Amino acid sequence: MAVSELWHGPIQQVHVDLGAAFAPFGGWEMPVSYAGTVAEHNAVRGRVGIFDVSHLGKALVAGPGAAAFVNRVLTADLDRIGPGTAQYTLCCNDSGGVIDDLIAYRVAGDEVFLVPNAANNQAVVAALTAQAPSGVTVTDQHRDFAVFAVQGPESARVLAAAGFPAELPYLGFVDTVWQGRPVRVCRTGYTGEHGYELLPRWSDAEPVFAALLDAVRAAGGEPAGLGARDTLRTEMGYPLHGHELAPDISPLQARCGWAVGWAKPQFWGRDALLAEKAAGPARTLIGLRAVDRGVLRSAQAVLVDGAPIGQTTSGTFSPSLQVGIALALVDPDAAPEFGAEAEVQARGRRLRCVVVKPPFVQVKTRQ
């Protein structure tokens, strides 16, 4: 896709003025970094950072029985949460592969707000629209709302300083009015830190971002881009669709079986996933922490005793650990035990790695 064909978020000029470097992602031109990925990563882990992730999809499922319909479609059991609570869930195909992973916000019995990935928003909306019962509508709201993620140990302080509610339980959300502007505030994120995602109207994005950025800087934080978002999520072992999840990669293979309501009588891909669960997945996700110096990237062969057992799906340098780390899908019958060694074929040489169970660093989302 040509740069001229990429979508822009609601505060593109703000990022230009902040000196952001840009790159295409999911059909959008995204800020990759400002002060540098490592500095932004460390700011989020140590203090706080703010991300503009307005490229994320948004869709509203509404009408009598909307929540029941969503629960018959997506993997997680929506009946386990009440209004004002969000849930990580998956939209699967008939073979058990993942069309997308997304967050479902239960607003009411007749209203569920979905946040898919940017590149998959249209696919999710189309799939749900095709199956929606009479009276239930599925509305694409991709560019109706901005999304700003405030993440890090100082994030609650930042929200309070900017005038937003911060006393929320993990995965809780509240609709508030800030300076006359409606904003949804959610205790969610993609970094493994205590954090929030705020959804103002697209037209209200600039003043909301400005207030949050001022509070972030006052707390010693930084604006952060897509580069830090990727290093942070990789350290947590969080899947990225197209890498650890895909139409040919199931939740079980990606160690996301916890996001499946196995007792539910109906959801897309249920029969295939139950069969895979009984037989055991053909691949399993592991973490790799480099012992040798070198760069781990995606699509590199993973070897045990010189024989390939799978390949990496994501790889990066971990600013927190100061070593290379990777996620990989491998043959479960050949996978070494956690703590044992494997090798990764990286740029013509083999790098020794320790096999670990993600996350690579401590999860702090509930703190």
Protein backbone atom coordinates (compact mmCIF):
# COMPACT_ATOMS: atom_id res chain seq x y z
CA MET A 1 0.00 0.00 0.00
CA ALA A 2 1.40 3.38 -0.97
CA VAL A 3 2.00 5.93 1.78
CA SER A 4 -0.61 8.19 0.17
CA GLU A 5 -3.20 5.43 0.66
CA LEU A 6 -2.55 4.95 4.37
CA TRP A 7 -5.10 6.11 6.93
CA HIS A 8 -4.14 8.81 9.39
CA GLY A 9 -5.34 9.11 12.98
CA PRO A 10 -7.13 12.19 14.33
CA ILE A 11 -3.98 13.88 15.67
CA GLN A 12 -1.49 13.22 12.86
CA GLN A 13 -0.14 16.78 12.92
CA VAL A 14 0.47 16.54 16.67
CA HIS A 15 2.77 13.57 16.08
CA VAL A 16 4.57 15.45 13.31
CA ASP A 17 5.09 18.38 15.67
CA LEU A 18 6.42 16.00 18.34
CA GLY A 19 9.07 14.80 15.89
CA ALA A 20 7.73 11.28 15.46
CA ALA A 21 9.20 8.82 13.00
CA PHE A 22 6.43 7.03 11.06
CA ALA A 23 5.90 3.64 9.45
CA PRO A 24 2.93 1.81 7.91
CA PHE A 25 1.07 -0.68 10.11
CA GLY A 26 -2.27 -2.37 9.48
CA GLY A 27 -3.11 0.11 6.71
CA TRP A 28 -2.31 3.16 8.88
CA GLU A 29 0.66 5.51 9.08
CA MET A 30 1.75 5.12 12.69
CA PRO A 31 4.23 6.95 14.94
CA VAL A 32 7.01 4.42 15.59
CA SER A 33 9.09 6.47 18.00
CA TYR A 34 9.79 9.98 19.27
CA ALA A 35 12.82 9.98 21.63
CA GLY A 36 13.75 6.40 20.68
CA THR A 37 12.19 3.00 21.32
CA VAL A 38 14.41 2.04 24.27
CA ALA A 39 13.82 5.34 26.09
CA GLU A 40 10.08 5.08 25.53
CA HIS A 41 10.01 1.44 26.63
CA ASN A 42 11.90 2.27 29.82
CA ALA A 43 9.61 5.23 30.52
CA VAL A 44 6.57 2.93 30.45
CA ARG A 45 8.20 0.28 32.63
CA GLY A 46 9.62 2.80 35.11
CA ARG A 47 7.20 5.73 35.06
CA VAL A 48 4.54 6.24 32.39
CA GLY A 49 4.01 6.64 28.66
CA ILE A 50 1.18 7.58 26.33
CA PHE A 51 0.42 5.86 23.02
CA ASP A 52 -1.93 6.97 20.27
CA VAL A 53 -3.53 3.71 19.13
CA SER A 54 -6.50 5.24 17.35
CA HIS A 55 -5.82 2.85 14.47
CA LEU A 56 -7.46 0.07 16.52
CA GLY A 57 -10.83 -1.03 15.19
CA LYS A 58 -14.14 -0.19 16.86
CA ALA A 59 -17.54 -1.75 16.29
CA LEU A 60 -20.87 -1.56 18.08
CA VAL A 61 -23.22 -4.55 18.33
CA ALA A 62 -26.61 -3.32 19.51
CA GLY A 63 -30.25 -4.34 19.69
CA PRO A 64 -32.38 -6.83 21.64
CA GLY A 65 -30.24 -9.86 22.45
CA ALA A 66 -26.97 -8.27 21.25
CA ALA A 67 -24.91 -9.64 24.15
CA ALA A 68 -26.37 -13.13 23.72
CA PHE A 69 -25.49 -13.00 20.00
CA VAL A 70 -21.90 -11.93 20.69
CA ASN A 71 -21.62 -14.75 23.23
CA ARG A 72 -22.68 -17.28 20.57
CA VAL A 73 -19.94 -15.98 18.27
CA LEU A 74 -16.80 -15.09 20.25
CA THR A 75 -14.81 -17.57 22.35
CA ALA A 76 -14.83 -16.08 25.86
CA ASP A 77 -17.93 -16.43 28.03
CA LEU A 78 -19.51 -12.97 28.02
CA ASP A 79 -21.99 -14.08 30.67
CA ARG A 80 -19.14 -14.17 33.19
CA ILE A 81 -18.90 -10.38 33.19
CA GLY A 82 -21.45 -7.65 33.81
CA PRO A 83 -22.02 -4.15 32.44
CA GLY A 84 -19.00 -1.89 32.92
CA THR A 85 -16.52 -4.73 32.38
CA ALA A 86 -14.35 -5.68 29.41
CA GLN A 87 -13.07 -9.08 28.31
CA TYR A 88 -10.28 -10.39 26.08
CA THR A 89 -11.78 -12.74 23.51
CA LEU A 90 -11.26 -14.29 20.08
CA CYS A 91 -13.18 -14.47 16.83
CA CYS A 92 -12.44 -17.85 15.26
CA ASN A 93 -13.18 -19.53 11.94
CA ASP A 94 -14.73 -22.97 11.49
CA SER A 95 -11.31 -24.67 11.62
CA GLY A 96 -10.46 -23.05 14.97
CA GLY A 97 -8.03 -20.50 13.55
CA VAL A 98 -8.21 -16.92 14.73
CA ILE A 99 -9.82 -14.27 12.54
CA ASP A 100 -8.89 -11.73 15.22
CA ASP A 101 -8.32 -11.22 18.92
CA LEU A 102 -10.19 -8.32 20.43
CA ILE A 103 -11.57 -6.67 23.55
CA ALA A 104 -15.32 -6.84 24.16
CA TYR A 105 -16.87 -4.16 26.38
CA ARG A 106 -20.18 -5.20 27.90
CA VAL A 107 -22.10 -1.93 28.00
CA ALA A 108 -25.55 -3.47 28.58
CA GLY A 109 -27.59 -6.52 27.63
CA ASP A 110 -28.39 -4.92 24.32
CA GLU A 111 -25.03 -3.24 23.64
CA VAL A 112 -21.50 -4.64 23.24
CA PHE A 113 -18.60 -2.49 22.04
CA LEU A 114 -15.76 -4.32 20.30
CA VAL A 115 -12.16 -3.23 19.73
CA PRO A 116 -10.57 -5.44 17.06
CA ASN A 117 -7.15 -4.98 15.48
CA ALA A 118 -6.87 -2.29 12.81
CA ALA A 119 -6.29 -4.60 9.84
CA ASN A 120 -9.09 -6.98 10.87
CA ASN A 121 -11.84 -4.50 11.74
CA GLN A 122 -13.68 -4.91 8.42
CA ALA A 123 -13.41 -8.71 8.54
CA VAL A 124 -14.86 -8.85 12.06
CA VAL A 125 -17.68 -6.44 11.21
CA ALA A 126 -18.52 -8.35 8.02
CA ALA A 127 -18.50 -11.74 9.77
CA LEU A 128 -20.77 -10.55 12.58
CA THR A 129 -23.09 -8.68 10.21
CA ALA A 130 -23.59 -11.81 8.12
CA GLN A 131 -24.76 -13.79 11.16
CA ALA A 132 -26.57 -11.12 13.19
CA PRO A 133 -30.17 -12.03 14.06
CA SER A 134 -33.10 -9.77 13.24
CA GLY A 135 -33.05 -6.62 15.33
CA VAL A 136 -29.31 -6.74 16.06
CA THR A 137 -27.12 -4.26 14.17
CA VAL A 138 -23.35 -4.27 13.76
CA THR A 139 -21.98 -0.78 13.15
CA ASP A 140 -18.43 -0.05 11.99
CA GLN A 141 -17.18 2.80 14.21
CA HIS A 142 -13.52 2.57 13.23
CA ARG A 143 -13.08 6.32 12.86
CA ASP A 144 -15.72 7.48 15.32
CA PHE A 145 -13.40 7.25 18.33
CA ALA A 146 -9.73 7.83 19.11
CA VAL A 147 -7.85 5.51 21.49
CA PHE A 148 -5.09 6.74 23.80
CA ALA A 149 -3.24 4.27 26.03
CA VAL A 150 -1.68 5.64 29.24
CA GLN A 151 0.53 2.88 30.63
CA GLY A 152 2.98 2.52 33.50
CA PRO A 153 3.23 2.65 37.30
CA GLU A 154 2.38 6.39 37.32
CA SER A 155 -0.66 6.01 35.03
CA ALA A 156 -3.29 6.42 37.78
CA ARG A 157 -1.59 9.60 38.93
CA VAL A 158 -1.59 10.89 35.35
CA LEU A 159 -5.31 10.27 34.85
CA ALA A 160 -6.24 11.91 38.12
CA ALA A 161 -4.06 14.94 37.33
CA ALA A 162 -5.71 15.32 33.93
CA GLY A 163 -9.19 15.10 35.46
CA PHE A 164 -10.17 11.54 34.53
CA PRO A 165 -11.43 8.77 36.84
CA ALA A 166 -8.65 6.33 37.73
CA GLU A 167 -10.11 4.17 40.52
CA LEU A 168 -11.21 1.31 38.29
CA PRO A 169 -10.79 -2.45 38.71
CA TYR A 170 -8.74 -4.30 36.12
CA LEU A 171 -10.81 -4.60 32.91
CA GLY A 172 -13.41 -2.22 34.32
CA PHE A 173 -14.56 0.82 32.36
CA VAL A 174 -16.68 3.90 32.91
CA ASP A 175 -18.23 6.50 30.63
CA THR A 176 -17.44 9.99 31.85
CA VAL A 177 -17.65 13.57 30.65
CA TRP A 178 -14.41 15.56 30.57
CA GLN A 179 -14.70 19.29 29.93
CA GLY A 180 -18.00 18.69 28.18
CA ARG A 181 -16.62 15.84 26.07
CA PRO A 182 -17.74 12.19 26.49
CA VAL A 183 -14.83 9.80 27.09
CA ARG A 184 -14.80 6.07 27.85
CA VAL A 185 -12.04 5.24 30.36
CA CYS A 186 -10.93 1.60 30.55
CA ARG A 187 -8.45 -0.24 32.81
CA THR A 188 -6.92 -2.09 29.89
CA GLY A 189 -3.68 -2.10 27.93
CA TYR A 190 -1.08 -4.09 25.99
CA THR A 191 2.10 -3.51 27.99
CA GLY A 192 1.80 -5.62 31.14
CA GLU A 193 1.81 -2.48 33.30
CA HIS A 194 -0.94 -0.81 35.29
CA GLY A 195 -2.66 1.23 32.62
CA TYR A 196 -5.69 2.70 30.94
CA GLU A 197 -7.12 3.18 27.49
CA LEU A 198 -9.27 6.27 26.86
CA LEU A 199 -11.73 6.55 23.98
CA PRO A 200 -12.85 10.11 23.21
CA ARG A 201 -14.78 11.02 20.09
CA TRP A 202 -12.57 11.34 17.02
CA SER A 203 -13.34 15.07 16.88
CA ASP A 204 -12.34 15.53 20.54
CA ALA A 205 -9.02 13.69 20.26
CA GLU A 206 -6.61 16.63 20.23
CA PRO A 207 -7.58 18.36 23.52
CA VAL A 208 -7.83 15.03 25.34
CA PHE A 209 -4.38 13.94 24.12
CA ALA A 210 -2.88 17.34 24.99
CA ALA A 211 -4.15 17.16 28.59
CA LEU A 212 -2.91 13.59 29.01
CA LEU A 213 0.49 14.35 27.47
CA ASP A 214 0.97 17.33 29.82
CA ALA A 215 0.22 15.09 32.82
CA VAL A 216 2.48 12.32 31.48
CA ARG A 217 5.39 14.73 31.11
CA ALA A 218 4.76 16.17 34.57
CA ALA A 219 5.10 12.60 35.91
CA GLY A 220 8.43 12.13 34.11
CA GLY A 221 7.00 10.14 31.22
CA GLU A 222 7.19 10.23 27.44
CA PRO A 223 4.98 9.84 24.37
CA ALA A 224 5.62 6.33 23.06
CA GLY A 225 5.30 4.80 19.63
CA LEU A 226 4.72 1.48 17.93
CA GLY A 227 8.32 0.35 18.50
CA ALA A 228 8.00 0.46 22.28
CA ARG A 229 4.51 -1.02 22.10
CA ASP A 230 6.02 -4.06 20.36
CA THR A 231 8.95 -4.53 22.74
CA LEU A 232 6.65 -4.16 25.73
CA ARG A 233 4.08 -6.68 24.50
CA THR A 234 6.79 -9.17 23.45
CA GLU A 235 8.31 -9.07 26.94
CA MET A 236 4.85 -10.01 28.25
CA GLY A 237 4.37 -12.79 25.70
CA TYR A 238 1.21 -11.07 24.44
CA PRO A 239 0.19 -12.33 20.98
CA LEU A 240 0.10 -10.11 17.92
CA HIS A 241 -2.35 -11.15 15.23
CA GLY A 242 -0.47 -12.19 12.10
CA HIS A 243 2.38 -13.50 14.27
CA GLU A 244 1.26 -15.62 17.25
CA LEU A 245 -2.40 -15.73 16.15
CA ALA A 246 -3.73 -16.11 12.61
CA PRO A 247 -6.48 -17.87 10.62
CA ASP A 248 -4.24 -20.96 10.63
CA ILE A 249 -3.06 -20.62 14.26
CA SER A 250 -5.51 -21.64 16.97
CA PRO A 251 -5.89 -20.28 20.51
CA LEU A 252 -4.58 -23.57 21.88
CA GLN A 253 -1.40 -23.35 19.83
CA ALA A 254 -0.88 -19.76 21.01
CA ARG A 255 -1.50 -20.66 24.69
CA CYS A 256 -4.69 -18.58 24.65
CA GLY A 257 -6.99 -21.42 25.63
CA TRP A 258 -7.77 -19.44 28.81
CA ALA A 259 -9.74 -17.03 26.58
CA VAL A 260 -12.11 -19.81 25.45
CA GLY A 261 -15.35 -20.56 27.29
CA TRP A 262 -15.06 -24.31 26.89
CA ALA A 263 -18.36 -24.97 28.68
CA LYS A 264 -20.34 -22.72 26.34
CA PRO A 265 -22.67 -24.64 24.02
CA GLN A 266 -21.88 -22.45 21.03
CA PHE A 267 -19.15 -20.23 19.57
CA TRP A 268 -17.43 -20.08 16.20
CA GLY A 269 -14.81 -22.82 15.82
CA ARG A 270 -16.03 -24.73 18.89
CA ASP A 271 -16.09 -28.23 17.35
CA ALA A 272 -12.63 -27.87 15.83
CA LEU A 273 -11.16 -26.47 19.05
CA LEU A 274 -12.69 -29.21 21.20
CA ALA A 275 -11.23 -31.82 18.84
CA GLU A 276 -7.82 -30.12 18.95
CA LYS A 277 -7.95 -29.91 22.73
CA ALA A 278 -8.67 -33.63 22.97
CA ALA A 279 -5.92 -34.59 20.53
CA GLY A 280 -3.38 -32.00 21.66
CA PRO A 281 -2.30 -29.03 19.51
CA ALA A 282 0.08 -29.63 16.62
CA ARG A 283 2.18 -26.63 17.69
CA THR A 284 2.84 -24.85 20.94
CA LEU A 285 4.12 -21.40 21.79
CA ILE A 286 7.37 -21.03 23.75
CA GLY A 287 9.59 -18.17 24.77
CA LEU A 288 13.28 -17.97 23.93
CA ARG A 289 15.80 -15.89 25.86
CA ALA A 290 19.13 -15.49 24.09
CA VAL A 291 22.31 -16.69 25.77
CA ASP A 292 24.58 -15.64 22.90
CA ARG A 293 24.74 -12.06 21.68
CA GLY A 294 22.66 -11.51 18.57
CA VAL A 295 19.37 -10.31 17.17
CA LEU A 296 16.28 -12.51 17.31
CA ARG A 297 13.60 -11.77 14.73
CA SER A 298 10.46 -13.45 13.40
CA ALA A 299 10.54 -16.33 10.88
CA GLN A 300 13.86 -17.75 12.15
CA ALA A 301 14.26 -21.52 12.50
CA VAL A 302 14.32 -23.01 16.01
CA LEU A 303 16.66 -26.00 16.34
CA VAL A 304 17.25 -28.75 18.87
CA ASP A 305 20.34 -30.93 18.31
CA GLY A 306 20.60 -29.34 14.87
CA ALA A 307 17.10 -30.40 13.79
CA PRO A 308 14.37 -27.81 13.12
CA ILE A 309 11.38 -27.99 15.47
CA GLY A 310 9.57 -24.77 14.48
CA GLN A 311 10.19 -21.09 13.95
CA THR A 312 10.04 -17.77 15.74
CA THR A 313 6.90 -15.69 15.39
CA SER A 314 8.19 -12.48 17.03
CA GLY A 315 11.64 -11.40 18.12
CA THR A 316 13.26 -8.29 19.53
CA PHE A 317 15.87 -6.92 21.90
CA SER A 318 14.44 -6.66 25.42
CA PRO A 319 15.31 -3.29 26.95
CA SER A 320 14.29 -4.62 30.38
CA LEU A 321 16.50 -7.72 30.23
CA GLN A 322 19.20 -6.40 27.89
CA VAL A 323 19.11 -9.59 25.81
CA GLY A 324 17.37 -10.87 22.72
CA ILE A 325 13.99 -12.54 23.24
CA ALA A 326 11.56 -14.28 20.93
CA LEU A 327 8.27 -16.13 20.80
CA ALA A 328 8.13 -19.28 18.69
CA LEU A 329 5.67 -21.94 17.53
CA VAL A 330 7.26 -25.37 17.78
CA ASP A 331 6.44 -29.08 17.62
CA PRO A 332 5.25 -29.92 21.17
CA ASP A 333 6.73 -33.42 20.96
CA ALA A 334 10.18 -32.01 20.20
CA ALA A 335 10.06 -28.91 22.40
CA PRO A 336 12.68 -28.83 25.18
CA GLU A 337 11.54 -28.41 28.76
CA PHE A 338 11.50 -24.90 30.20
CA GLY A 339 15.03 -24.08 31.33
CA ALA A 340 16.66 -26.22 28.66
CA GLU A 341 18.46 -24.82 25.62
CA ALA A 342 17.56 -24.52 21.96
CA GLU A 343 19.17 -22.66 19.06
CA VAL A 344 17.84 -20.06 16.67
CA GLN A 345 19.21 -19.77 13.15
CA ALA A 346 19.85 -16.04 12.89
CA ARG A 347 21.60 -14.47 9.90
CA GLY A 348 23.82 -17.42 9.10
CA ARG A 349 24.75 -18.31 12.68
CA ARG A 350 23.13 -20.24 15.49
CA LEU A 351 22.29 -18.39 18.70
CA ARG A 352 21.94 -20.38 21.91
CA CYS A 353 18.74 -19.61 23.81
CA VAL A 354 17.06 -20.75 27.02
CA VAL A 355 13.49 -21.98 26.59
CA VAL A 356 11.12 -20.12 28.92
CA LYS A 357 7.40 -19.88 29.53
CA PRO A 358 6.27 -16.30 28.83
CA PRO A 359 6.06 -13.68 30.23
CA PHE A 360 9.73 -12.72 30.27
CA VAL A 361 9.15 -10.05 32.96
CA GLN A 362 6.65 -9.63 35.80
CA VAL A 363 3.04 -8.81 34.91
CA LYS A 364 1.77 -5.73 36.76
CA THR A 365 -1.61 -5.12 35.13
CA ARG A 366 -3.57 -5.83 38.32
CA GLN A 367 -1.33 -3.85 40.67
